[in-house]
Full PDB file with SEQRES, HELIX, SHEET, SSBOND, CRYST1, ORIGX, SCALE, CONECT and MASTER records, all heavy atoms in Angstrom:
SEQRES   1 A   41  THR ALA GLN ALA VAL VAL VAL THR ILE GLY ALA ILE THR          
SEQRES   2 A   41  LEU LEU ILE GLY CYS ILE ILE GLY CYS ALA LYS ASP ASP          
SEQRES   3 A   41  ILE LYS ARG VAL LEU ALA TYR SER THR VAL SER GLN ILE          
SEQRES   4 A   41  GLY TYR                                                      
HELIX    1 AA1 ALA A    2  GLY A   21  1                                  20    
HELIX    2 AA2 ILE A   27  GLY A   40  1                                  14    
CRYST1    1.000    1.000    1.000  90.00  90.00  90.00 P 1           1          
ORIGX1      1.000000  0.000000  0.000000        0.00000                         
ORIGX2      0.000000  1.000000  0.000000        0.00000                         
ORIGX3      0.000000  0.000000  1.000000        0.00000                         
SCALE1      1.000000  0.000000  0.000000        0.00000                         
SCALE2      0.000000  1.000000  0.000000        0.00000                         
SCALE3      0.000000  0.000000  1.000000        0.00000                         
ATOM      1  N   THR A   1      78.794 107.945  46.067  1.00  0.00           N  
ATOM      2  CA  THR A   1      79.248 107.032  45.014  1.00  0.00           C  
ATOM      3  C   THR A   1      80.215 106.001  45.575  1.00  0.00           C  
ATOM      4  O   THR A   1      80.123 104.801  45.308  1.00  0.00           O  
ATOM      5  CB  THR A   1      79.918 107.826  43.891  1.00  0.00           C  
ATOM      6  OG1 THR A   1      78.978 108.762  43.347  1.00  0.00           O  
ATOM      7  CG2 THR A   1      80.381 106.900  42.780  1.00  0.00           C  
ATOM      8  N   ALA A   2      81.179 106.500  46.367  1.00  0.00           N  
ATOM      9  CA  ALA A   2      82.160 105.574  46.963  1.00  0.00           C  
ATOM     10  C   ALA A   2      81.473 104.571  47.888  1.00  0.00           C  
ATOM     11  O   ALA A   2      81.795 103.379  47.882  1.00  0.00           O  
ATOM     12  CB  ALA A   2      83.214 106.373  47.729  1.00  0.00           C  
ATOM     13  N   GLN A   3      80.510 105.029  48.669  1.00  0.00           N  
ATOM     14  CA  GLN A   3      79.792 104.122  49.551  1.00  0.00           C  
ATOM     15  C   GLN A   3      79.001 103.090  48.751  1.00  0.00           C  
ATOM     16  O   GLN A   3      78.957 101.913  49.108  1.00  0.00           O  
ATOM     17  CB  GLN A   3      78.824 104.899  50.453  1.00  0.00           C  
ATOM     18  CG  GLN A   3      79.501 105.593  51.621  1.00  0.00           C  
ATOM     19  CD  GLN A   3      78.480 106.130  52.613  1.00  0.00           C  
ATOM     20  OE1 GLN A   3      77.404 106.565  52.230  1.00  0.00           O  
ATOM     21  NE2 GLN A   3      78.816 106.108  53.887  1.00  0.00           N  
ATOM     22  N   ALA A   4      78.395 103.526  47.667  1.00  0.00           N  
ATOM     23  CA  ALA A   4      77.620 102.618  46.818  1.00  0.00           C  
ATOM     24  C   ALA A   4      78.527 101.521  46.233  1.00  0.00           C  
ATOM     25  O   ALA A   4      78.141 100.348  46.130  1.00  0.00           O  
ATOM     26  CB  ALA A   4      76.919 103.369  45.709  1.00  0.00           C  
ATOM     27  N   VAL A   5      79.736 101.899  45.846  1.00  0.00           N  
ATOM     28  CA  VAL A   5      80.667 100.923  45.284  1.00  0.00           C  
ATOM     29  C   VAL A   5      81.102  99.931  46.381  1.00  0.00           C  
ATOM     30  O   VAL A   5      81.228  98.732  46.131  1.00  0.00           O  
ATOM     31  CB  VAL A   5      81.889 101.618  44.661  1.00  0.00           C  
ATOM     32  CG1 VAL A   5      82.903 100.584  44.185  1.00  0.00           C  
ATOM     33  CG2 VAL A   5      81.468 102.493  43.497  1.00  0.00           C  
ATOM     34  N   VAL A   6      81.308 100.412  47.594  1.00  0.00           N  
ATOM     35  CA  VAL A   6      81.697  99.541  48.703  1.00  0.00           C  
ATOM     36  C   VAL A   6      80.629  98.485  48.963  1.00  0.00           C  
ATOM     37  O   VAL A   6      80.899  97.295  49.062  1.00  0.00           O  
ATOM     38  CB  VAL A   6      81.979 100.347  49.995  1.00  0.00           C  
ATOM     39  CG1 VAL A   6      82.245  99.401  51.162  1.00  0.00           C  
ATOM     40  CG2 VAL A   6      83.165 101.269  49.814  1.00  0.00           C  
ATOM     41  N   VAL A   7      79.346  98.914  49.064  1.00  0.00           N  
ATOM     42  CA  VAL A   7      78.299  97.938  49.350  1.00  0.00           C  
ATOM     43  C   VAL A   7      78.097  96.970  48.165  1.00  0.00           C  
ATOM     44  O   VAL A   7      77.834  95.783  48.364  1.00  0.00           O  
ATOM     45  CB  VAL A   7      76.947  98.624  49.659  1.00  0.00           C  
ATOM     46  CG1 VAL A   7      77.048  99.432  50.939  1.00  0.00           C  
ATOM     47  CG2 VAL A   7      76.466  99.499  48.519  1.00  0.00           C  
ATOM     48  N   THR A   8      78.323  97.461  46.937  1.00  0.00           N  
ATOM     49  CA  THR A   8      78.200  96.592  45.783  1.00  0.00           C  
ATOM     50  C   THR A   8      79.298  95.522  45.779  1.00  0.00           C  
ATOM     51  O   THR A   8      79.041  94.325  45.540  1.00  0.00           O  
ATOM     52  CB  THR A   8      78.291  97.403  44.475  1.00  0.00           C  
ATOM     53  OG1 THR A   8      77.259  98.408  44.473  1.00  0.00           O  
ATOM     54  CG2 THR A   8      78.136  96.511  43.253  1.00  0.00           C  
ATOM     55  N   ILE A   9      80.533  95.952  46.078  1.00  0.00           N  
ATOM     56  CA  ILE A   9      81.651  95.000  46.151  1.00  0.00           C  
ATOM     57  C   ILE A   9      81.382  93.985  47.258  1.00  0.00           C  
ATOM     58  O   ILE A   9      81.599  92.764  47.070  1.00  0.00           O  
ATOM     59  CB  ILE A   9      82.967  95.751  46.437  1.00  0.00           C  
ATOM     60  CG1 ILE A   9      83.378  96.610  45.234  1.00  0.00           C  
ATOM     61  CG2 ILE A   9      84.074  94.780  46.818  1.00  0.00           C  
ATOM     62  CD1 ILE A   9      83.768  95.813  44.020  1.00  0.00           C  
ATOM     63  N   GLY A  10      80.905  94.428  48.412  1.00  0.00           N  
ATOM     64  CA  GLY A  10      80.615  93.506  49.490  1.00  0.00           C  
ATOM     65  C   GLY A  10      79.533  92.495  49.126  1.00  0.00           C  
ATOM     66  O   GLY A  10      79.682  91.303  49.416  1.00  0.00           O  
ATOM     67  N   ALA A  11      78.464  92.961  48.481  1.00  0.00           N  
ATOM     68  CA  ALA A  11      77.375  92.059  48.117  1.00  0.00           C  
ATOM     69  C   ALA A  11      77.835  91.024  47.073  1.00  0.00           C  
ATOM     70  O   ALA A  11      77.526  89.831  47.180  1.00  0.00           O  
ATOM     71  CB  ALA A  11      76.208  92.871  47.571  1.00  0.00           C  
ATOM     72  N   ILE A  12      78.570  91.479  46.066  1.00  0.00           N  
ATOM     73  CA  ILE A  12      79.066  90.555  45.036  1.00  0.00           C  
ATOM     74  C   ILE A  12      80.006  89.519  45.659  1.00  0.00           C  
ATOM     75  O   ILE A  12      79.907  88.324  45.370  1.00  0.00           O  
ATOM     76  CB  ILE A  12      79.787  91.339  43.922  1.00  0.00           C  
ATOM     77  CG1 ILE A  12      78.772  92.188  43.119  1.00  0.00           C  
ATOM     78  CG2 ILE A  12      80.522  90.377  42.979  1.00  0.00           C  
ATOM     79  CD1 ILE A  12      79.418  93.106  42.118  1.00  0.00           C  
ATOM     80  N   THR A  13      80.888  89.987  46.512  1.00  0.00           N  
ATOM     81  CA  THR A  13      81.914  89.087  47.080  1.00  0.00           C  
ATOM     82  C   THR A  13      81.282  88.048  48.002  1.00  0.00           C  
ATOM     83  O   THR A  13      81.700  86.892  47.986  1.00  0.00           O  
ATOM     84  CB  THR A  13      82.958  89.906  47.840  1.00  0.00           C  
ATOM     85  OG1 THR A  13      83.481  90.920  46.994  1.00  0.00           O  
ATOM     86  CG2 THR A  13      84.106  88.993  48.288  1.00  0.00           C  
ATOM     87  N   LEU A  14      80.305  88.460  48.793  1.00  0.00           N  
ATOM     88  CA  LEU A  14      79.732  87.473  49.722  1.00  0.00           C  
ATOM     89  C   LEU A  14      78.991  86.378  48.947  1.00  0.00           C  
ATOM     90  O   LEU A  14      79.026  85.203  49.370  1.00  0.00           O  
ATOM     91  CB  LEU A  14      78.803  88.144  50.741  1.00  0.00           C  
ATOM     92  CG  LEU A  14      77.432  88.663  50.339  1.00  0.00           C  
ATOM     93  CD1 LEU A  14      76.370  87.553  50.493  1.00  0.00           C  
ATOM     94  CD2 LEU A  14      77.041  89.836  51.249  1.00  0.00           C  
ATOM     95  N   LEU A  15      78.414  86.698  47.791  1.00  0.00           N  
ATOM     96  CA  LEU A  15      77.777  85.664  46.981  1.00  0.00           C  
ATOM     97  C   LEU A  15      78.824  84.776  46.306  1.00  0.00           C  
ATOM     98  O   LEU A  15      78.683  83.552  46.256  1.00  0.00           O  
ATOM     99  CB  LEU A  15      76.898  86.300  45.920  1.00  0.00           C  
ATOM    100  CG  LEU A  15      75.462  86.622  46.319  1.00  0.00           C  
ATOM    101  CD1 LEU A  15      74.691  87.148  45.105  1.00  0.00           C  
ATOM    102  CD2 LEU A  15      74.758  85.408  46.906  1.00  0.00           C  
ATOM    103  N   ILE A  16      79.893  85.376  45.794  1.00  0.00           N  
ATOM    104  CA  ILE A  16      80.963  84.614  45.166  1.00  0.00           C  
ATOM    105  C   ILE A  16      81.542  83.578  46.146  1.00  0.00           C  
ATOM    106  O   ILE A  16      81.709  82.409  45.819  1.00  0.00           O  
ATOM    107  CB  ILE A  16      82.075  85.557  44.649  1.00  0.00           C  
ATOM    108  CG1 ILE A  16      81.589  86.337  43.422  1.00  0.00           C  
ATOM    109  CG2 ILE A  16      83.330  84.762  44.297  1.00  0.00           C  
ATOM    110  CD1 ILE A  16      82.567  87.410  42.980  1.00  0.00           C  
ATOM    111  N   GLY A  17      81.876  84.066  47.349  1.00  0.00           N  
ATOM    112  CA  GLY A  17      82.457  83.157  48.351  1.00  0.00           C  
ATOM    113  C   GLY A  17      81.501  82.019  48.723  1.00  0.00           C  
ATOM    114  O   GLY A  17      81.936  80.871  48.835  1.00  0.00           O  
ATOM    115  N   CYS A  18      80.227  82.322  48.873  1.00  0.00           N  
ATOM    116  CA  CYS A  18      79.249  81.276  49.222  1.00  0.00           C  
ATOM    117  C   CYS A  18      79.114  80.238  48.108  1.00  0.00           C  
ATOM    118  O   CYS A  18      79.090  79.028  48.372  1.00  0.00           O  
ATOM    119  CB  CYS A  18      77.893  81.913  49.503  1.00  0.00           C  
ATOM    120  SG  CYS A  18      77.813  82.821  51.064  1.00  0.00           S  
ATOM    121  N   ILE A  19      78.973  80.703  46.875  1.00  0.00           N  
ATOM    122  CA  ILE A  19      78.740  79.792  45.751  1.00  0.00           C  
ATOM    123  C   ILE A  19      79.931  78.860  45.566  1.00  0.00           C  
ATOM    124  O   ILE A  19      79.756  77.636  45.432  1.00  0.00           O  
ATOM    125  CB  ILE A  19      78.435  80.576  44.464  1.00  0.00           C  
ATOM    126  CG1 ILE A  19      77.107  81.309  44.590  1.00  0.00           C  
ATOM    127  CG2 ILE A  19      78.440  79.663  43.242  1.00  0.00           C  
ATOM    128  CD1 ILE A  19      76.839  82.281  43.477  1.00  0.00           C  
ATOM    129  N   ILE A  20      81.146  79.400  45.581  1.00  0.00           N  
ATOM    130  CA  ILE A  20      82.311  78.558  45.370  1.00  0.00           C  
ATOM    131  C   ILE A  20      82.517  77.624  46.573  1.00  0.00           C  
ATOM    132  O   ILE A  20      82.897  76.465  46.419  1.00  0.00           O  
ATOM    133  CB  ILE A  20      83.575  79.428  45.135  1.00  0.00           C  
ATOM    134  CG1 ILE A  20      83.409  80.282  43.885  1.00  0.00           C  
ATOM    135  CG2 ILE A  20      84.810  78.561  45.013  1.00  0.00           C  
ATOM    136  CD1 ILE A  20      84.547  81.225  43.591  1.00  0.00           C  
ATOM    137  N   GLY A  21      82.242  78.135  47.792  1.00  0.00           N  
ATOM    138  CA  GLY A  21      82.412  77.298  48.983  1.00  0.00           C  
ATOM    139  C   GLY A  21      81.544  76.057  48.967  1.00  0.00           C  
ATOM    140  O   GLY A  21      81.892  75.026  49.557  1.00  0.00           O  
ATOM    141  N   CYS A  22      80.395  76.132  48.288  1.00  0.00           N  
ATOM    142  CA  CYS A  22      79.493  74.980  48.227  1.00  0.00           C  
ATOM    143  C   CYS A  22      80.082  73.815  47.422  1.00  0.00           C  
ATOM    144  O   CYS A  22      79.640  72.676  47.560  1.00  0.00           O  
ATOM    145  CB  CYS A  22      78.169  75.389  47.599  1.00  0.00           C  
ATOM    146  SG  CYS A  22      77.160  76.478  48.624  1.00  0.00           S  
ATOM    147  N   ALA A  23      81.051  74.074  46.564  1.00  0.00           N  
ATOM    148  CA  ALA A  23      81.538  73.053  45.630  1.00  0.00           C  
ATOM    149  C   ALA A  23      82.951  72.571  45.944  1.00  0.00           C  
ATOM    150  O   ALA A  23      83.441  71.667  45.271  1.00  0.00           O  
ATOM    151  CB  ALA A  23      81.519  73.620  44.188  1.00  0.00           C  
ATOM    152  N   LYS A  24      83.604  73.110  46.961  1.00  0.00           N  
ATOM    153  CA  LYS A  24      84.978  72.719  47.263  1.00  0.00           C  
ATOM    154  C   LYS A  24      85.026  71.498  48.188  1.00  0.00           C  
ATOM    155  O   LYS A  24      84.138  71.317  49.031  1.00  0.00           O  
ATOM    156  CB  LYS A  24      85.719  73.890  47.905  1.00  0.00           C  
ATOM    157  CG  LYS A  24      86.000  75.046  46.950  1.00  0.00           C  
ATOM    158  CD  LYS A  24      86.889  74.615  45.813  1.00  0.00           C  
ATOM    159  CE  LYS A  24      87.163  75.738  44.843  1.00  0.00           C  
ATOM    160  NZ  LYS A  24      88.014  75.321  43.729  1.00  0.00           N  
ATOM    161  N   ASP A  25      86.036  70.682  48.036  1.00  0.00           N  
ATOM    162  CA  ASP A  25      86.195  69.472  48.842  1.00  0.00           C  
ATOM    163  C   ASP A  25      87.392  69.542  49.786  1.00  0.00           C  
ATOM    164  O   ASP A  25      87.545  68.671  50.646  1.00  0.00           O  
ATOM    165  CB  ASP A  25      86.375  68.245  47.927  1.00  0.00           C  
ATOM    166  CG  ASP A  25      85.136  68.019  47.070  1.00  0.00           C  
ATOM    167  OD1 ASP A  25      84.021  68.075  47.617  1.00  0.00           O  
ATOM    168  OD2 ASP A  25      85.292  67.796  45.847  1.00  0.00           O  
ATOM    169  N   ASP A  26      88.237  70.562  49.634  1.00  0.00           N  
ATOM    170  CA  ASP A  26      89.371  70.760  50.525  1.00  0.00           C  
ATOM    171  C   ASP A  26      88.883  71.528  51.754  1.00  0.00           C  
ATOM    172  O   ASP A  26      88.328  72.618  51.644  1.00  0.00           O  
ATOM    173  CB  ASP A  26      90.474  71.540  49.800  1.00  0.00           C  
ATOM    174  CG  ASP A  26      91.738  71.676  50.605  1.00  0.00           C  
ATOM    175  OD1 ASP A  26      91.669  72.304  51.700  1.00  0.00           O  
ATOM    176  OD2 ASP A  26      92.796  71.177  50.189  1.00  0.00           O  
ATOM    177  N   ILE A  27      89.106  70.984  52.948  1.00  0.00           N  
ATOM    178  CA  ILE A  27      88.555  71.574  54.155  1.00  0.00           C  
ATOM    179  C   ILE A  27      89.032  73.016  54.368  1.00  0.00           C  
ATOM    180  O   ILE A  27      88.266  73.905  54.782  1.00  0.00           O  
ATOM    181  CB  ILE A  27      88.891  70.704  55.382  1.00  0.00           C  
ATOM    182  CG1 ILE A  27      88.187  71.229  56.643  1.00  0.00           C  
ATOM    183  CG2 ILE A  27      90.397  70.593  55.609  1.00  0.00           C  
ATOM    184  CD1 ILE A  27      88.289  70.283  57.828  1.00  0.00           C  
ATOM    185  N   LYS A  28      90.297  73.275  54.058  1.00  0.00           N  
ATOM    186  CA  LYS A  28      90.818  74.636  54.254  1.00  0.00           C  
ATOM    187  C   LYS A  28      90.312  75.601  53.170  1.00  0.00           C  
ATOM    188  O   LYS A  28      90.082  76.776  53.442  1.00  0.00           O  
ATOM    189  CB  LYS A  28      92.342  74.606  54.258  1.00  0.00           C  
ATOM    190  CG  LYS A  28      92.928  73.936  55.485  1.00  0.00           C  
ATOM    191  CD  LYS A  28      94.436  73.821  55.408  1.00  0.00           C  
ATOM    192  CE  LYS A  28      95.134  75.153  55.383  1.00  0.00           C  
ATOM    193  NZ  LYS A  28      96.607  75.036  55.366  1.00  0.00           N  
ATOM    194  N   ARG A  29      90.095  75.103  51.969  1.00  0.00           N  
ATOM    195  CA  ARG A  29      89.594  75.994  50.916  1.00  0.00           C  
ATOM    196  C   ARG A  29      88.120  76.354  51.120  1.00  0.00           C  
ATOM    197  O   ARG A  29      87.698  77.456  50.760  1.00  0.00           O  
ATOM    198  CB  ARG A  29      89.834  75.372  49.542  1.00  0.00           C  
ATOM    199  CG  ARG A  29      91.287  75.377  49.116  1.00  0.00           C  
ATOM    200  CD  ARG A  29      91.519  74.894  47.717  1.00  0.00           C  
ATOM    201  NE  ARG A  29      92.930  74.916  47.372  1.00  0.00           N  
ATOM    202  CZ  ARG A  29      93.557  75.957  46.817  1.00  0.00           C  
ATOM    203  NH1 ARG A  29      92.865  77.043  46.515  1.00  0.00           N  
ATOM    204  NH2 ARG A  29      94.838  75.907  46.553  1.00  0.00           N  
ATOM    205  N   VAL A  30      87.335  75.420  51.667  1.00  0.00           N  
ATOM    206  CA  VAL A  30      85.970  75.764  52.001  1.00  0.00           C  
ATOM    207  C   VAL A  30      85.961  76.911  53.017  1.00  0.00           C  
ATOM    208  O   VAL A  30      85.232  77.894  52.886  1.00  0.00           O  
ATOM    209  CB  VAL A  30      85.227  74.547  52.568  1.00  0.00           C  
ATOM    210  CG1 VAL A  30      83.849  74.965  53.073  1.00  0.00           C  
ATOM    211  CG2 VAL A  30      85.097  73.464  51.530  1.00  0.00           C  
ATOM    212  N   LEU A  31      86.843  76.807  54.025  1.00  0.00           N  
ATOM    213  CA  LEU A  31      86.922  77.864  55.041  1.00  0.00           C  
ATOM    214  C   LEU A  31      87.481  79.156  54.460  1.00  0.00           C  
ATOM    215  O   LEU A  31      87.111  80.265  54.865  1.00  0.00           O  
ATOM    216  CB  LEU A  31      87.772  77.407  56.206  1.00  0.00           C  
ATOM    217  CG  LEU A  31      87.182  76.251  57.040  1.00  0.00           C  
ATOM    218  CD1 LEU A  31      88.182  75.798  58.091  1.00  0.00           C  
ATOM    219  CD2 LEU A  31      85.867  76.628  57.686  1.00  0.00           C  
ATOM    220  N   ALA A  32      88.364  79.031  53.476  1.00  0.00           N  
ATOM    221  CA  ALA A  32      88.937  80.232  52.817  1.00  0.00           C  
ATOM    222  C   ALA A  32      87.858  80.990  52.096  1.00  0.00           C  
ATOM    223  O   ALA A  32      87.742  82.215  52.211  1.00  0.00           O  
ATOM    224  CB  ALA A  32      90.069  79.822  51.876  1.00  0.00           C  
ATOM    225  N   TYR A  33      87.040  80.289  51.325  1.00  0.00           N  
ATOM    226  CA  TYR A  33      85.955  80.979  50.601  1.00  0.00           C  
ATOM    227  C   TYR A  33      84.888  81.466  51.581  1.00  0.00           C  
ATOM    228  O   TYR A  33      84.203  82.455  51.299  1.00  0.00           O  
ATOM    229  CB  TYR A  33      85.357  80.078  49.536  1.00  0.00           C  
ATOM    230  CG  TYR A  33      86.178  80.093  48.258  1.00  0.00           C  
ATOM    231  CD1 TYR A  33      86.994  79.040  47.901  1.00  0.00           C  
ATOM    232  CD2 TYR A  33      86.140  81.226  47.445  1.00  0.00           C  
ATOM    233  CE1 TYR A  33      87.759  79.054  46.741  1.00  0.00           C  
ATOM    234  CE2 TYR A  33      86.928  81.270  46.276  1.00  0.00           C  
ATOM    235  CZ  TYR A  33      87.704  80.195  45.935  1.00  0.00           C  
ATOM    236  OH  TYR A  33      88.485  80.258  44.808  1.00  0.00           O  
ATOM    237  N   SER A  34      84.768  80.794  52.722  1.00  0.00           N  
ATOM    238  CA  SER A  34      83.891  81.308  53.759  1.00  0.00           C  
ATOM    239  C   SER A  34      84.391  82.649  54.257  1.00  0.00           C  
ATOM    240  O   SER A  34      83.615  83.589  54.498  1.00  0.00           O  
ATOM    241  CB  SER A  34      83.844  80.302  54.921  1.00  0.00           C  
ATOM    242  OG  SER A  34      83.240  80.866  56.042  1.00  0.00           O  
ATOM    243  N   THR A  35      85.701  82.785  54.379  1.00  0.00           N  
ATOM    244  CA  THR A  35      86.283  84.078  54.779  1.00  0.00           C  
ATOM    245  C   THR A  35      85.990  85.154  53.745  1.00  0.00           C  
ATOM    246  O   THR A  35      85.656  86.288  54.073  1.00  0.00           O  
ATOM    247  CB  THR A  35      87.795  83.922  55.011  1.00  0.00           C  
ATOM    248  OG1 THR A  35      88.046  83.015  56.076  1.00  0.00           O  
ATOM    249  CG2 THR A  35      88.418  85.268  55.340  1.00  0.00           C  
ATOM    250  N   VAL A  36      86.183  84.810  52.463  1.00  0.00           N  
ATOM    251  CA  VAL A  36      85.867  85.746  51.413  1.00  0.00           C  
ATOM    252  C   VAL A  36      84.439  86.254  51.581  1.00  0.00           C  
ATOM    253  O   VAL A  36      84.151  87.464  51.482  1.00  0.00           O  
ATOM    254  CB  VAL A  36      86.034  85.090  50.007  1.00  0.00           C  
ATOM    255  CG1 VAL A  36      85.504  85.984  48.918  1.00  0.00           C  
ATOM    256  CG2 VAL A  36      87.513  84.782  49.748  1.00  0.00           C  
ATOM    257  N   SER A  37      83.519  85.330  51.848  1.00  0.00           N  
ATOM    258  CA  SER A  37      82.110  85.692  52.009  1.00  0.00           C  
ATOM    259  C   SER A  37      81.873  86.533  53.245  1.00  0.00           C  
ATOM    260  O   SER A  37      81.160  87.557  53.200  1.00  0.00           O  
ATOM    261  CB  SER A  37      81.265  84.428  52.064  1.00  0.00           C  
ATOM    262  OG  SER A  37      79.916  84.719  52.258  1.00  0.00           O  
ATOM    263  N   GLN A  38      82.446  86.154  54.364  1.00  0.00           N  
ATOM    264  CA  GLN A  38      82.211  86.883  55.619  1.00  0.00           C  
ATOM    265  C   GLN A  38      82.822  88.280  55.576  1.00  0.00           C  
ATOM    266  O   GLN A  38      82.250  89.231  56.118  1.00  0.00           O  
ATOM    267  CB  GLN A  38      82.772  86.095  56.794  1.00  0.00           C  
ATOM    268  CG  GLN A  38      82.096  84.749  57.038  1.00  0.00           C  
ATOM    269  CD  GLN A  38      80.606  84.847  57.180  1.00  0.00           C  
ATOM    270  OE1 GLN A  38      80.097  85.638  57.977  1.00  0.00           O  
ATOM    271  NE2 GLN A  38      79.864  84.057  56.405  1.00  0.00           N  
ATOM    272  N   ILE A  39      83.978  88.424  54.951  1.00  0.00           N  
ATOM    273  CA  ILE A  39      84.518  89.783  54.791  1.00  0.00           C  
ATOM    274  C   ILE A  39      83.608  90.598  53.871  1.00  0.00           C  
ATOM    275  O   ILE A  39      83.470  91.809  54.034  1.00  0.00           O  
ATOM    276  CB  ILE A  39      85.951  89.718  54.199  1.00  0.00           C  
ATOM    277  CG1 ILE A  39      86.871  88.909  55.124  1.00  0.00           C  
ATOM    278  CG2 ILE A  39      86.525  91.124  54.028  1.00  0.00           C  
ATOM    279  CD1 ILE A  39      87.104  89.506  56.462  1.00  0.00           C  
ATOM    280  N   GLY A  40      82.957  89.937  52.923  1.00  0.00           N  
ATOM    281  CA  GLY A  40      81.972  90.620  52.092  1.00  0.00           C  
ATOM    282  C   GLY A  40      80.839  91.199  52.950  1.00  0.00           C  
ATOM    283  O   GLY A  40      80.391  92.337  52.693  1.00  0.00           O  
ATOM    284  N   TYR A  41      80.379  90.460  53.942  1.00  0.00           N  
ATOM    285  CA  TYR A  41      79.374  91.013  54.869  1.00  0.00           C  
ATOM    286  C   TYR A  41      79.909  92.252  55.576  1.00  0.00           C  
ATOM    287  O   TYR A  41      79.187  93.237  55.779  1.00  0.00           O  
ATOM    288  CB  TYR A  41      78.995  89.960  55.925  1.00  0.00           C  
ATOM    289  CG  TYR A  41      77.902  89.014  55.474  1.00  0.00           C  
ATOM    290  CD1 TYR A  41      78.190  87.732  55.069  1.00  0.00           C  
ATOM    291  CD2 TYR A  41      76.568  89.437  55.478  1.00  0.00           C  
ATOM    292  CE1 TYR A  41      77.198  86.841  54.655  1.00  0.00           C  
ATOM    293  CE2 TYR A  41      75.551  88.557  55.080  1.00  0.00           C  
ATOM    294  CZ  TYR A  41      75.871  87.279  54.685  1.00  0.00           C  
ATOM    295  OH  TYR A  41      74.876  86.415  54.288  1.00  0.00           O  
TER     296      TYR A  41                                                      
MASTER        0    0    0    2    0    0    0    6  295    1    0    4          
END                                                                             
């Protein structure tokens, strides 16, 4: 159960980071949401 929750959190987060990163115009915030996504991986 704990492992399933970890993979679910990772999958949700990597999509969230990618989607928001596509719409940001601040160079550092794009990279920040990229980090959110990569940590999700």
